C-alpha atoms as a PDB file:
ATOM      1  CA  MET A   1      -0.201  18.562 -13.791  1.00  0.00           C
ATOM      2  CA  ARG A   2       3.864  18.455 -12.907  1.00  0.00           C
ATOM      3  CA  LEU A   3       5.171  15.560 -10.977  1.00  0.00           C
ATOM      4  CA  THR A   4       6.821  18.703  -8.844  1.00  0.00           C
ATOM      5  CA  HIS A   5       2.937  20.235  -8.154  1.00  0.00           C
ATOM      6  CA  PHE A   6       1.758  16.978  -6.930  1.00  0.00           C
ATOM      7  CA  ARG A   7       4.825  16.636  -4.369  1.00  0.00           C
ATOM      8  CA  ARG A   8       3.992  20.918  -3.298  1.00  0.00           C
ATOM      9  CA  LEU A   9       0.016  19.587  -3.441  1.00  0.00           C
ATOM     10  CA  MET A  10       1.109  17.014  -0.472  1.00  0.00           C
ATOM     11  CA  GLU A  11       3.859  18.645   1.151  1.00  0.00           C
ATOM     12  CA  ASP A  12       1.010  22.173   1.158  1.00  0.00           C
ATOM     13  CA  GLU A  13      -1.887  19.431   2.650  1.00  0.00           C
ATOM     14  CA  PHE A  14       0.205  16.875   4.840  1.00  0.00           C
ATOM     15  CA  GLY A  15       3.181  18.945   5.880  1.00  0.00           C
ATOM     16  CA  ALA A  16       6.313  17.781   5.058  1.00  0.00           C
ATOM     17  CA  VAL A  17       7.263  14.439   7.021  1.00  0.00           C
ATOM     18  CA  ARG A  18       3.559  12.926   6.488  1.00  0.00           C
ATOM     19  CA  ALA A  19       3.541  13.413   2.601  1.00  0.00           C
ATOM     20  CA  GLY A  20       6.052  11.458   2.212  1.00  0.00           C
ATOM     21  CA  SER A  21       5.019   8.780   4.842  1.00  0.00           C
ATOM     22  CA  ILE A  22       1.788   8.909   2.821  1.00  0.00           C
ATOM     23  CA  SER A  23       3.452   8.655  -0.464  1.00  0.00           C
ATOM     24  CA  ARG A  24       5.998   5.938   0.421  1.00  0.00           C
ATOM     25  CA  ASP A  25       3.461   3.530   3.140  1.00  0.00           C
ATOM     26  CA  HIS A  26      -0.334   3.933   1.982  1.00  0.00           C
ATOM     27  CA  VAL A  27      -1.495   2.027   0.373  1.00  0.00           C
ATOM     28  CA  PHE A  28      -4.587   2.474  -1.686  1.00  0.00           C
ATOM     29  CA  SER A  29      -7.516   0.871  -3.424  1.00  0.00           C
ATOM     30  CA  ALA A  30      -8.074   3.328  -6.271  1.00  0.00           C
ATOM     31  CA  LEU A  31      -4.592   2.402  -7.878  1.00  0.00           C
ATOM     32  CA  ASP A  32      -5.226  -0.791  -7.796  1.00  0.00           C
ATOM     33  CA  GLY A  33      -3.325  -1.135  -4.458  1.00  0.00           C
ATOM     34  CA  ARG A  34      -0.312   0.504  -4.964  1.00  0.00           C
ATOM     35  CA  THR A  35       0.902   3.554  -3.418  1.00  0.00           C
ATOM     36  CA  ALA A  36       1.251   7.248  -4.615  1.00  0.00           C
ATOM     37  CA  ALA A  37       4.945   6.579  -5.126  1.00  0.00           C
ATOM     38  CA  GLN A  38       4.783   3.323  -6.806  1.00  0.00           C
ATOM     39  CA  ALA A  39       1.391   4.556  -9.286  1.00  0.00           C
ATOM     40  CA  LEU A  40       3.565   7.403 -10.218  1.00  0.00           C
ATOM     41  CA  GLU A  41       6.890   5.153 -11.152  1.00  0.00           C
ATOM     42  CA  GLY A  42       4.382   3.069 -12.861  1.00  0.00           C
ATOM     43  CA  GLY A  43       3.386   5.660 -14.690  1.00  0.00           C
ATOM     44  CA  ALA A  44       0.167   7.400 -13.527  1.00  0.00           C
ATOM     45  CA  GLU A  45      -0.803  10.482 -14.247  1.00  0.00           C
ATOM     46  CA  PRO A  46      -0.011  13.298 -10.739  1.00  0.00           C
ATOM     47  CA  ARG A  47      -3.455  14.210 -10.868  1.00  0.00           C
ATOM     48  CA  ASP A  48      -5.499  11.081 -10.592  1.00  0.00           C
ATOM     49  CA  VAL A  49      -2.626   9.811  -7.985  1.00  0.00           C
ATOM     50  CA  TRP A  50      -3.335  13.348  -6.206  1.00  0.00           C
ATOM     51  CA  ARG A  51      -7.864  12.870  -6.256  1.00  0.00           C
ATOM     52  CA  ALA A  52      -7.361   9.216  -5.105  1.00  0.00           C
ATOM     53  CA  VAL A  53      -5.363  10.968  -2.199  1.00  0.00           C
ATOM     54  CA  CYS A  54      -8.151  13.414  -1.986  1.00  0.00           C
ATOM     55  CA  ALA A  55     -10.649  10.973  -1.919  1.00  0.00           C
ATOM     56  CA  GLU A  56      -8.592   8.902   0.778  1.00  0.00           C
ATOM     57  CA  PHE A  57      -8.093  11.440   3.058  1.00  0.00           C
ATOM     58  CA  GLU A  58     -11.133  13.434   2.683  1.00  0.00           C
ATOM     59  CA  VAL A  59      -9.402  15.948   1.546  1.00  0.00           C
ATOM     60  CA  PRO A  60     -11.947  19.255   1.624  1.00  0.00           C
ATOM     61  CA  ALA A  61     -13.021  20.106  -2.286  1.00  0.00           C
ATOM     62  CA  ASP A  62     -11.286  23.719  -2.092  1.00  0.00           C
ATOM     63  CA  ARG A  63      -7.766  22.199  -1.257  1.00  0.00           C
ATOM     64  CA  ARG A  64      -8.296  19.299  -4.133  1.00  0.00           C
END
């Protein structure tokens, strides 16, 4: 998954403003206590970050 696809999925699921807030502000235990933005900047695969977001926010399986 490309970073642009990750961002599009985030915006489609949460809306542009909330997606940005979640990426910057929400700390995920599945990402070793980092935010999504920190994990991506640290080299995490966008697919793994998306999976962590989906699990944390209980995104339905058909939208994962």
